[in-house]
Amino acid sequence: MAASDYTHGEMNIERQAKMFSAFMKAGAWGAIITLLGLGYATFTLSVGMPWLAALVLTAGAGILVGLGLGFGGAWVATIVGLSGVALFVQVLIMLFGLVL
């Protein structure tokens, strides 16, 4: 049997710990964005809330939850960007509704 220089418990795991932390943060981001999308759809389609009010409500809740979890400025920029995309899509839906 070959001799090994490995000693149990003395391995540097700094990179693995950083990767795990990043993976968990990405998972939390994805889960919260998914919940916000489902909340927006529920408010507009099931509850009958006007789309702009639902957008403001879900974006505000998303910003508060993200800042509460310590996601920082990148999270706020992501929510604002996704809200801009949602606003653009809703305007397109309104315009196509006028044509049909």
PDB file of N, CA and C in Angstrom:
ATOM      1  N   MET A   1       0.838  -1.164   0.000  1.00  0.00           N
ATOM      2  CA  MET A   1       0.000   0.000   0.000  1.00  0.00           C
ATOM      3  C   MET A   1       0.895   1.242   0.000  1.00  0.00           C
ATOM      4  N   ALA A   2       0.536   2.231  -0.791  1.00  0.00           N
ATOM      5  CA  ALA A   2       1.352   3.435  -0.928  1.00  0.00           C
ATOM      6  C   ALA A   2       1.157   4.352   0.275  1.00  0.00           C
ATOM      7  N   ALA A   3       2.232   4.970   0.681  1.00  0.00           N
ATOM      8  CA  ALA A   3       2.174   5.924   1.788  1.00  0.00           C
ATOM      9  C   ALA A   3       1.621   7.248   1.265  1.00  0.00           C
ATOM     10  N   SER A   4       0.900   7.970   2.105  1.00  0.00           N
ATOM     11  CA  SER A   4       0.275   9.226   1.700  1.00  0.00           C
ATOM     12  C   SER A   4       0.674  10.331   2.666  1.00  0.00           C
ATOM     13  N   ASP A   5       0.759  11.542   2.111  1.00  0.00           N
ATOM     14  CA  ASP A   5       1.067  12.698   2.945  1.00  0.00           C
ATOM     15  C   ASP A   5      -0.195  13.317   3.552  1.00  0.00           C
ATOM     16  N   TYR A   6      -1.335  12.741   3.231  1.00  0.00           N
ATOM     17  CA  TYR A   6      -2.607  13.282   3.705  1.00  0.00           C
ATOM     18  C   TYR A   6      -2.800  12.978   5.193  1.00  0.00           C
ATOM     19  N   THR A   7      -3.202  14.026   5.927  1.00  0.00           N
ATOM     20  CA  THR A   7      -3.554  13.870   7.335  1.00  0.00           C
ATOM     21  C   THR A   7      -4.998  14.308   7.497  1.00  0.00           C
ATOM     22  N   HIS A   8      -5.812  13.435   8.021  1.00  0.00           N
ATOM     23  CA  HIS A   8      -7.240  13.716   8.166  1.00  0.00           C
ATOM     24  C   HIS A   8      -7.474  14.987   8.988  1.00  0.00           C
ATOM     25  N   GLY A   9      -8.302  15.888   8.423  1.00  0.00           N
ATOM     26  CA  GLY A   9      -8.674  17.104   9.133  1.00  0.00           C
ATOM     27  C   GLY A   9      -7.774  18.296   8.892  1.00  0.00           C
ATOM     28  N   GLU A  10      -6.775  18.154   8.048  1.00  0.00           N
ATOM     29  CA  GLU A  10      -5.856  19.259   7.808  1.00  0.00           C
ATOM     30  C   GLU A  10      -5.922  19.798   6.382  1.00  0.00           C
ATOM     31  N   MET A  11      -6.953  19.479   5.651  1.00  0.00           N
ATOM     32  CA  MET A  11      -7.095  19.954   4.275  1.00  0.00           C
ATOM     33  C   MET A  11      -7.636  21.383   4.265  1.00  0.00           C
ATOM     34  N   ASN A  12      -7.114  22.211   3.377  1.00  0.00           N
ATOM     35  CA  ASN A  12      -7.597  23.586   3.236  1.00  0.00           C
ATOM     36  C   ASN A  12      -8.921  23.548   2.471  1.00  0.00           C
ATOM     37  N   ILE A  13      -9.989  23.942   3.125  1.00  0.00           N
ATOM     38  CA  ILE A  13     -11.313  23.892   2.497  1.00  0.00           C
ATOM     39  C   ILE A  13     -11.869  25.291   2.230  1.00  0.00           C
ATOM     40  N   GLU A  14     -11.011  26.276   2.153  1.00  0.00           N
ATOM     41  CA  GLU A  14     -11.474  27.654   1.959  1.00  0.00           C
ATOM     42  C   GLU A  14     -12.238  27.801   0.642  1.00  0.00           C
ATOM     43  N   ARG A  15     -11.712  27.222  -0.447  1.00  0.00           N
ATOM     44  CA  ARG A  15     -12.387  27.348  -1.740  1.00  0.00           C
ATOM     45  C   ARG A  15     -13.716  26.602  -1.760  1.00  0.00           C
ATOM     46  N   GLN A  16     -13.760  25.432  -1.138  1.00  0.00           N
ATOM     47  CA  GLN A  16     -15.018  24.696  -1.081  1.00  0.00           C
ATOM     48  C   GLN A  16     -16.064  25.470  -0.273  1.00  0.00           C
ATOM     49  N   ALA A  17     -15.642  26.094   0.803  1.00  0.00           N
ATOM     50  CA  ALA A  17     -16.568  26.868   1.626  1.00  0.00           C
ATOM     51  C   ALA A  17     -17.106  28.070   0.853  1.00  0.00           C
ATOM     52  N   LYS A  18     -16.242  28.743   0.080  1.00  0.00           N
ATOM     53  CA  LYS A  18     -16.696  29.878  -0.731  1.00  0.00           C
ATOM     54  C   LYS A  18     -17.666  29.419  -1.811  1.00  0.00           C
ATOM     55  N   MET A  19     -17.378  28.276  -2.443  1.00  0.00           N
ATOM     56  CA  MET A  19     -18.260  27.752  -3.488  1.00  0.00           C
ATOM     57  C   MET A  19     -19.620  27.372  -2.907  1.00  0.00           C
ATOM     58  N   PHE A  20     -19.628  26.738  -1.753  1.00  0.00           N
ATOM     59  CA  PHE A  20     -20.882  26.377  -1.109  1.00  0.00           C
ATOM     60  C   PHE A  20     -21.686  27.620  -0.754  1.00  0.00           C
ATOM     61  N   SER A  21     -21.017  28.634  -0.241  1.00  0.00           N
ATOM     62  CA  SER A  21     -21.694  29.882   0.104  1.00  0.00           C
ATOM     63  C   SER A  21     -22.301  30.536  -1.131  1.00  0.00           C
ATOM     64  N   ALA A  22     -21.550  30.565  -2.235  1.00  0.00           N
ATOM     65  CA  ALA A  22     -22.060  31.154  -3.472  1.00  0.00           C
ATOM     66  C   ALA A  22     -23.231  30.342  -4.021  1.00  0.00           C
ATOM     67  N   PHE A  23     -23.141  29.021  -3.929  1.00  0.00           N
ATOM     68  CA  PHE A  23     -24.225  28.158  -4.398  1.00  0.00           C
ATOM     69  C   PHE A  23     -25.493  28.395  -3.587  1.00  0.00           C
ATOM     70  N   MET A  24     -25.370  28.513  -2.293  1.00  0.00           N
ATOM     71  CA  MET A  24     -26.533  28.750  -1.444  1.00  0.00           C
ATOM     72  C   MET A  24     -27.142  30.132  -1.719  1.00  0.00           C
ATOM     73  N   LYS A  25     -26.300  31.121  -1.950  1.00  0.00           N
ATOM     74  CA  LYS A  25     -26.795  32.464  -2.251  1.00  0.00           C
ATOM     75  C   LYS A  25     -27.538  32.473  -3.588  1.00  0.00           C
ATOM     76  N   ALA A  26     -26.982  31.790  -4.595  1.00  0.00           N
ATOM     77  CA  ALA A  26     -27.646  31.707  -5.899  1.00  0.00           C
ATOM     78  C   ALA A  26     -28.974  30.966  -5.775  1.00  0.00           C
ATOM     79  N   GLY A  27     -29.000  29.926  -4.963  1.00  0.00           N
ATOM     80  CA  GLY A  27     -30.253  29.204  -4.736  1.00  0.00           C
ATOM     81  C   GLY A  27     -31.299  30.072  -4.064  1.00  0.00           C
ATOM     82  N   ALA A  28     -30.871  30.874  -3.102  1.00  0.00           N
ATOM     83  CA  ALA A  28     -31.802  31.778  -2.419  1.00  0.00           C
ATOM     84  C   ALA A  28     -32.321  32.843  -3.387  1.00  0.00           C
ATOM     85  N   TRP A  29     -31.429  33.398  -4.225  1.00  0.00           N
ATOM     86  CA  TRP A  29     -31.849  34.381  -5.222  1.00  0.00           C
ATOM     87  C   TRP A  29     -32.901  33.774  -6.142  1.00  0.00           C
ATOM     88  N   GLY A  30     -32.604  32.587  -6.656  1.00  0.00           N
ATOM     89  CA  GLY A  30     -33.532  31.942  -7.589  1.00  0.00           C
ATOM     90  C   GLY A  30     -34.872  31.627  -6.953  1.00  0.00           C
ATOM     91  N   ALA A  31     -34.847  31.154  -5.721  1.00  0.00           N
ATOM     92  CA  ALA A  31     -36.095  30.822  -5.031  1.00  0.00           C
ATOM     93  C   ALA A  31     -36.939  32.069  -4.784  1.00  0.00           C
ATOM     94  N   ILE A  32     -36.301  33.145  -4.359  1.00  0.00           N
ATOM     95  CA  ILE A  32     -37.062  34.366  -4.072  1.00  0.00           C
ATOM     96  C   ILE A  32     -37.602  34.985  -5.354  1.00  0.00           C
ATOM     97  N   ILE A  33     -36.817  34.973  -6.429  1.00  0.00           N
ATOM     98  CA  ILE A  33     -37.302  35.514  -7.705  1.00  0.00           C
ATOM     99  C   ILE A  33     -38.468  34.678  -8.221  1.00  0.00           C
ATOM    100  N   THR A  34     -38.393  33.355  -8.055  1.00  0.00           N
ATOM    101  CA  THR A  34     -39.497  32.493  -8.458  1.00  0.00           C
ATOM    102  C   THR A  34     -40.753  32.803  -7.647  1.00  0.00           C
ATOM    103  N   LEU A  35     -40.608  32.973  -6.333  1.00  0.00           N
ATOM    104  CA  LEU A  35     -41.758  33.315  -5.487  1.00  0.00           C
ATOM    105  C   LEU A  35     -42.347  34.675  -5.858  1.00  0.00           C
ATOM    106  N   LEU A  36     -41.500  35.629  -6.198  1.00  0.00           N
ATOM    107  CA  LEU A  36     -42.005  36.939  -6.608  1.00  0.00           C
ATOM    108  C   LEU A  36     -42.781  36.840  -7.918  1.00  0.00           C
ATOM    109  N   GLY A  37     -42.275  36.050  -8.856  1.00  0.00           N
ATOM    110  CA  GLY A  37     -42.993  35.849 -10.114  1.00  0.00           C
ATOM    111  C   GLY A  37     -44.334  35.178  -9.910  1.00  0.00           C
ATOM    112  N   LEU A  38     -44.365  34.176  -9.039  1.00  0.00           N
ATOM    113  CA  LEU A  38     -45.631  33.513  -8.730  1.00  0.00           C
ATOM    114  C   LEU A  38     -46.596  34.451  -8.006  1.00  0.00           C
ATOM    115  N   GLY A  39     -46.058  35.280  -7.116  1.00  0.00           N
ATOM    116  CA  GLY A  39     -46.901  36.253  -6.427  1.00  0.00           C
ATOM    117  C   GLY A  39     -47.494  37.269  -7.382  1.00  0.00           C
ATOM    118  N   TYR A  40     -46.680  37.744  -8.320  1.00  0.00           N
ATOM    119  CA  TYR A  40     -47.168  38.706  -9.317  1.00  0.00           C
ATOM    120  C   TYR A  40     -48.271  38.080 -10.162  1.00  0.00           C
ATOM    121  N   ALA A  41     -48.037  36.843 -10.608  1.00  0.00           N
ATOM    122  CA  ALA A  41     -49.050  36.163 -11.418  1.00  0.00           C
ATOM    123  C   ALA A  41     -50.326  35.927 -10.623  1.00  0.00           C
ATOM    124  N   THR A  42     -50.191  35.573  -9.360  1.00  0.00           N
ATOM    125  CA  THR A  42     -51.362  35.334  -8.518  1.00  0.00           C
ATOM    126  C   THR A  42     -52.161  36.619  -8.314  1.00  0.00           C
ATOM    127  N   PHE A  43     -51.456  37.707  -8.036  1.00  0.00           N
ATOM    128  CA  PHE A  43     -52.160  38.973  -7.822  1.00  0.00           C
ATOM    129  C   PHE A  43     -52.902  39.427  -9.075  1.00  0.00           C
ATOM    130  N   THR A  44     -52.278  39.285 -10.226  1.00  0.00           N
ATOM    131  CA  THR A  44     -52.911  39.792 -11.450  1.00  0.00           C
ATOM    132  C   THR A  44     -53.964  38.854 -11.999  1.00  0.00           C
ATOM    133  N   LEU A  45     -53.710  37.546 -11.993  1.00  0.00           N
ATOM    134  CA  LEU A  45     -54.630  36.612 -12.637  1.00  0.00           C
ATOM    135  C   LEU A  45     -55.720  36.093 -11.696  1.00  0.00           C
ATOM    136  N   SER A  46     -55.385  35.777 -10.477  1.00  0.00           N
ATOM    137  CA  SER A  46     -56.366  35.174  -9.569  1.00  0.00           C
ATOM    138  C   SER A  46     -57.121  36.206  -8.738  1.00  0.00           C
ATOM    139  N   VAL A  47     -56.394  37.173  -8.209  1.00  0.00           N
ATOM    140  CA  VAL A  47     -57.015  38.158  -7.334  1.00  0.00           C
ATOM    141  C   VAL A  47     -57.691  39.259  -8.147  1.00  0.00           C
ATOM    142  N   GLY A  48     -57.189  39.518  -9.351  1.00  0.00           N
ATOM    143  CA  GLY A  48     -57.757  40.558 -10.190  1.00  0.00           C
ATOM    144  C   GLY A  48     -57.210  41.945  -9.889  1.00  0.00           C
ATOM    145  N   MET A  49     -56.074  41.997  -9.225  1.00  0.00           N
ATOM    146  CA  MET A  49     -55.445  43.279  -8.915  1.00  0.00           C
ATOM    147  C   MET A  49     -54.890  43.892 -10.205  1.00  0.00           C
ATOM    148  N   PRO A  50     -54.978  45.204 -10.378  1.00  0.00           N
ATOM    149  CA  PRO A  50     -54.367  45.827 -11.553  1.00  0.00           C
ATOM    150  C   PRO A  50     -52.876  45.489 -11.640  1.00  0.00           C
ATOM    151  N   TRP A  51     -52.384  45.281 -12.860  1.00  0.00           N
ATOM    152  CA  TRP A  51     -51.016  44.786 -13.029  1.00  0.00           C
ATOM    153  C   TRP A  51     -49.973  45.748 -12.487  1.00  0.00           C
ATOM    154  N   LEU A  52     -50.212  47.034 -12.600  1.00  0.00           N
ATOM    155  CA  LEU A  52     -49.217  47.991 -12.108  1.00  0.00           C
ATOM    156  C   LEU A  52     -49.132  47.967 -10.577  1.00  0.00           C
ATOM    157  N   ALA A  53     -50.278  47.855  -9.925  1.00  0.00           N
ATOM    158  CA  ALA A  53     -50.277  47.761  -8.457  1.00  0.00           C
ATOM    159  C   ALA A  53     -49.606  46.473  -8.002  1.00  0.00           C
ATOM    160  N   ALA A  54     -49.870  45.374  -8.698  1.00  0.00           N
ATOM    161  CA  ALA A  54     -49.237  44.102  -8.357  1.00  0.00           C
ATOM    162  C   ALA A  54     -47.733  44.165  -8.581  1.00  0.00           C
ATOM    163  N   LEU A  55     -47.311  44.842  -9.639  1.00  0.00           N
ATOM    164  CA  LEU A  55     -45.883  44.984  -9.927  1.00  0.00           C
ATOM    165  C   LEU A  55     -45.183  45.788  -8.839  1.00  0.00           C
ATOM    166  N   VAL A  56     -45.780  46.894  -8.435  1.00  0.00           N
ATOM    167  CA  VAL A  56     -45.191  47.721  -7.383  1.00  0.00           C
ATOM    168  C   VAL A  56     -45.143  46.949  -6.061  1.00  0.00           C
ATOM    169  N   LEU A  57     -46.207  46.222  -5.756  1.00  0.00           N
ATOM    170  CA  LEU A  57     -46.265  45.452  -4.516  1.00  0.00           C
ATOM    171  C   LEU A  57     -45.206  44.356  -4.488  1.00  0.00           C
ATOM    172  N   THR A  58     -45.097  43.579  -5.562  1.00  0.00           N
ATOM    173  CA  THR A  58     -44.124  42.487  -5.566  1.00  0.00           C
ATOM    174  C   THR A  58     -42.690  43.000  -5.647  1.00  0.00           C
ATOM    175  N   ALA A  59     -42.453  44.071  -6.397  1.00  0.00           N
ATOM    176  CA  ALA A  59     -41.099  44.628  -6.460  1.00  0.00           C
ATOM    177  C   ALA A  59     -40.686  45.199  -5.108  1.00  0.00           C
ATOM    178  N   GLY A  60     -41.591  45.895  -4.457  1.00  0.00           N
ATOM    179  CA  GLY A  60     -41.286  46.428  -3.127  1.00  0.00           C
ATOM    180  C   GLY A  60     -41.025  45.328  -2.122  1.00  0.00           C
ATOM    181  N   ALA A  61     -41.845  44.291  -2.161  1.00  0.00           N
ATOM    182  CA  ALA A  61     -41.632  43.155  -1.255  1.00  0.00           C
ATOM    183  C   ALA A  61     -40.309  42.467  -1.566  1.00  0.00           C
ATOM    184  N   GLY A  62     -39.989  42.346  -2.835  1.00  0.00           N
ATOM    185  CA  GLY A  62     -38.728  41.714  -3.224  1.00  0.00           C
ATOM    186  C   GLY A  62     -37.515  42.490  -2.754  1.00  0.00           C
ATOM    187  N   ILE A  63     -37.573  43.805  -2.875  1.00  0.00           N
ATOM    188  CA  ILE A  63     -36.467  44.641  -2.411  1.00  0.00           C
ATOM    189  C   ILE A  63     -36.317  44.525  -0.895  1.00  0.00           C
ATOM    190  N   LEU A  64     -37.430  44.583  -0.183  1.00  0.00           N
ATOM    191  CA  LEU A  64     -37.368  44.484   1.286  1.00  0.00           C
ATOM    192  C   LEU A  64     -36.834  43.128   1.737  1.00  0.00           C
ATOM    193  N   VAL A  65     -37.306  42.051   1.121  1.00  0.00           N
ATOM    194  CA  VAL A  65     -36.842  40.715   1.508  1.00  0.00           C
ATOM    195  C   VAL A  65     -35.355  40.561   1.197  1.00  0.00           C
ATOM    196  N   GLY A  66     -34.949  41.015   0.016  1.00  0.00           N
ATOM    197  CA  GLY A  66     -33.541  40.900  -0.366  1.00  0.00           C
ATOM    198  C   GLY A  66     -32.624  41.701   0.530  1.00  0.00           C
ATOM    199  N   LEU A  67     -33.016  42.904   0.856  1.00  0.00           N
ATOM    200  CA  LEU A  67     -32.187  43.714   1.748  1.00  0.00           C
ATOM    201  C   LEU A  67     -32.195  43.139   3.161  1.00  0.00           C
ATOM    202  N   GLY A  68     -33.314  42.550   3.552  1.00  0.00           N
ATOM    203  CA  GLY A  68     -33.374  41.908   4.862  1.00  0.00           C
ATOM    204  C   GLY A  68     -32.444  40.700   4.958  1.00  0.00           C
ATOM    205  N   LEU A  69     -32.243  40.026   3.830  1.00  0.00           N
ATOM    206  CA  LEU A  69     -31.335  38.880   3.803  1.00  0.00           C
ATOM    207  C   LEU A  69     -29.897  39.277   3.500  1.00  0.00           C
ATOM    208  N   GLY A  70     -29.658  40.571   3.303  1.00  0.00           N
ATOM    209  CA  GLY A  70     -28.296  41.061   3.089  1.00  0.00           C
ATOM    210  C   GLY A  70     -27.774  40.860   1.683  1.00  0.00           C
ATOM    211  N   PHE A  71     -28.657  40.878   0.661  1.00  0.00           N
ATOM    212  CA  PHE A  71     -28.219  40.667  -0.715  1.00  0.00           C
ATOM    213  C   PHE A  71     -27.551  41.897  -1.314  1.00  0.00           C
ATOM    214  N   GLY A  72     -27.837  43.086  -0.826  1.00  0.00           N
ATOM    215  CA  GLY A  72     -27.140  44.288  -1.249  1.00  0.00           C
ATOM    216  C   GLY A  72     -27.671  44.924  -2.525  1.00  0.00           C
ATOM    217  N   GLY A  73     -26.812  45.762  -3.097  1.00  0.00           N
ATOM    218  CA  GLY A  73     -27.194  46.567  -4.252  1.00  0.00           C
ATOM    219  C   GLY A  73     -27.432  45.768  -5.520  1.00  0.00           C
ATOM    220  N   ALA A  74     -26.734  44.653  -5.694  1.00  0.00           N
ATOM    221  CA  ALA A  74     -26.945  43.823  -6.880  1.00  0.00           C
ATOM    222  C   ALA A  74     -28.364  43.272  -6.890  1.00  0.00           C
ATOM    223  N   TRP A  75     -28.887  42.948  -5.728  1.00  0.00           N
ATOM    224  CA  TRP A  75     -30.258  42.452  -5.632  1.00  0.00           C
ATOM    225  C   TRP A  75     -31.247  43.537  -6.025  1.00  0.00           C
ATOM    226  N   VAL A  76     -31.046  44.746  -5.524  1.00  0.00           N
ATOM    227  CA  VAL A  76     -31.956  45.854  -5.854  1.00  0.00           C
ATOM    228  C   VAL A  76     -31.913  46.128  -7.354  1.00  0.00           C
ATOM    229  N   ALA A  77     -30.723  46.126  -7.944  1.00  0.00           N
ATOM    230  CA  ALA A  77     -30.603  46.346  -9.383  1.00  0.00           C
ATOM    231  C   ALA A  77     -31.298  45.239 -10.170  1.00  0.00           C
ATOM    232  N   THR A  78     -31.215  44.015  -9.700  1.00  0.00           N
ATOM    233  CA  THR A  78     -31.885  42.897 -10.371  1.00  0.00           C
ATOM    234  C   THR A  78     -33.391  43.056 -10.315  1.00  0.00           C
ATOM    235  N   ILE A  79     -33.915  43.418  -9.163  1.00  0.00           N
ATOM    236  CA  ILE A  79     -35.366  43.585  -9.031  1.00  0.00           C
ATOM    237  C   ILE A  79     -35.855  44.752  -9.884  1.00  0.00           C
ATOM    238  N   VAL A  80     -35.111  45.858  -9.891  1.00  0.00           N
ATOM    239  CA  VAL A  80     -35.497  47.006 -10.724  1.00  0.00           C
ATOM    240  C   VAL A  80     -35.450  46.621 -12.202  1.00  0.00           C
ATOM    241  N   GLY A  81     -34.432  45.886 -12.606  1.00  0.00           N
ATOM    242  CA  GLY A  81     -34.329  45.442 -13.997  1.00  0.00           C
ATOM    243  C   GLY A  81     -35.456  44.500 -14.386  1.00  0.00           C
ATOM    244  N   LEU A  82     -35.782  43.549 -13.518  1.00  0.00           N
ATOM    245  CA  LEU A  82     -36.889  42.644 -13.808  1.00  0.00           C
ATOM    246  C   LEU A  82     -38.223  43.376 -13.826  1.00  0.00           C
ATOM    247  N   SER A  83     -38.360  44.384 -12.992  1.00  0.00           N
ATOM    248  CA  SER A  83     -39.583  45.191 -13.019  1.00  0.00           C
ATOM    249  C   SER A  83     -39.689  45.975 -14.319  1.00  0.00           C
ATOM    250  N   GLY A  84     -38.558  46.459 -14.810  1.00  0.00           N
ATOM    251  CA  GLY A  84     -38.548  47.143 -16.109  1.00  0.00           C
ATOM    252  C   GLY A  84     -38.953  46.211 -17.243  1.00  0.00           C
ATOM    253  N   VAL A  85     -38.471  44.977 -17.206  1.00  0.00           N
ATOM    254  CA  VAL A  85     -38.864  43.991 -18.215  1.00  0.00           C
ATOM    255  C   VAL A  85     -40.355  43.703 -18.113  1.00  0.00           C
ATOM    256  N   ALA A  86     -40.869  43.548 -16.896  1.00  0.00           N
ATOM    257  CA  ALA A  86     -42.302  43.295 -16.704  1.00  0.00           C
ATOM    258  C   ALA A  86     -43.134  44.468 -17.204  1.00  0.00           C
ATOM    259  N   LEU A  87     -42.680  45.679 -16.950  1.00  0.00           N
ATOM    260  CA  LEU A  87     -43.386  46.867 -17.433  1.00  0.00           C
ATOM    261  C   LEU A  87     -43.416  46.897 -18.955  1.00  0.00           C
ATOM    262  N   PHE A  88     -42.287  46.578 -19.583  1.00  0.00           N
ATOM    263  CA  PHE A  88     -42.202  46.546 -21.047  1.00  0.00           C
ATOM    264  C   PHE A  88     -43.150  45.498 -21.621  1.00  0.00           C
ATOM    265  N   VAL A  89     -43.183  44.324 -21.025  1.00  0.00           N
ATOM    266  CA  VAL A  89     -44.070  43.252 -21.501  1.00  0.00           C
ATOM    267  C   VAL A  89     -45.530  43.654 -21.349  1.00  0.00           C
ATOM    268  N   GLN A  90     -45.871  44.288 -20.242  1.00  0.00           N
ATOM    269  CA  GLN A  90     -47.265  44.706 -20.036  1.00  0.00           C
ATOM    270  C   GLN A  90     -47.674  45.787 -21.035  1.00  0.00           C
ATOM    271  N   VAL A  91     -46.758  46.677 -21.364  1.00  0.00           N
ATOM    272  CA  VAL A  91     -47.060  47.697 -22.374  1.00  0.00           C
ATOM    273  C   VAL A  91     -47.275  47.036 -23.728  1.00  0.00           C
ATOM    274  N   LEU A  92     -46.444  46.044 -24.076  1.00  0.00           N
ATOM    275  CA  LEU A  92     -46.651  45.317 -25.323  1.00  0.00           C
ATOM    276  C   LEU A  92     -47.998  44.600 -25.339  1.00  0.00           C
ATOM    277  N   ILE A  93     -48.369  44.012 -24.220  1.00  0.00           N
ATOM    278  CA  ILE A  93     -49.662  43.333 -24.141  1.00  0.00           C
ATOM    279  C   ILE A  93     -50.800  44.332 -24.357  1.00  0.00           C
ATOM    280  N   MET A  94     -50.692  45.518 -23.755  1.00  0.00           N
ATOM    281  CA  MET A  94     -51.723  46.539 -23.947  1.00  0.00           C
ATOM    282  C   MET A  94     -51.786  46.981 -25.408  1.00  0.00           C
ATOM    283  N   LEU A  95     -50.638  47.160 -26.047  1.00  0.00           N
ATOM    284  CA  LEU A  95     -50.615  47.599 -27.441  1.00  0.00           C
ATOM    285  C   LEU A  95     -51.198  46.542 -28.374  1.00  0.00           C
ATOM    286  N   PHE A  96     -50.851  45.279 -28.149  1.00  0.00           N
ATOM    287  CA  PHE A  96     -51.419  44.220 -28.973  1.00  0.00           C
ATOM    288  C   PHE A  96     -52.908  44.061 -28.692  1.00  0.00           C
ATOM    289  N   GLY A  97     -53.347  44.373 -27.491  1.00  0.00           N
ATOM    290  CA  GLY A  97     -54.777  44.337 -27.186  1.00  0.00           C
ATOM    291  C   GLY A  97     -55.552  45.396 -27.933  1.00  0.00           C
ATOM    292  N   LEU A  98     -54.921  46.528 -28.221  1.00  0.00           N
ATOM    293  CA  LEU A  98     -55.564  47.589 -28.986  1.00  0.00           C
ATOM    294  C   LEU A  98     -55.714  47.195 -30.454  1.00  0.00           C
ATOM    295  N   VAL A  99     -54.760  46.416 -30.956  1.00  0.00           N
ATOM    296  CA  VAL A  99     -54.785  46.019 -32.360  1.00  0.00           C
ATOM    297  C   VAL A  99     -55.850  44.946 -32.602  1.00  0.00           C
ATOM    298  N   LEU A 100     -55.985  44.041 -31.669  1.00  0.00           N
ATOM    299  CA  LEU A 100     -56.928  42.926 -31.846  1.00  0.00           C
ATOM    300  C   LEU A 100     -58.316  43.275 -31.486  1.00  0.00           C
TER     301      LEU A 100
END
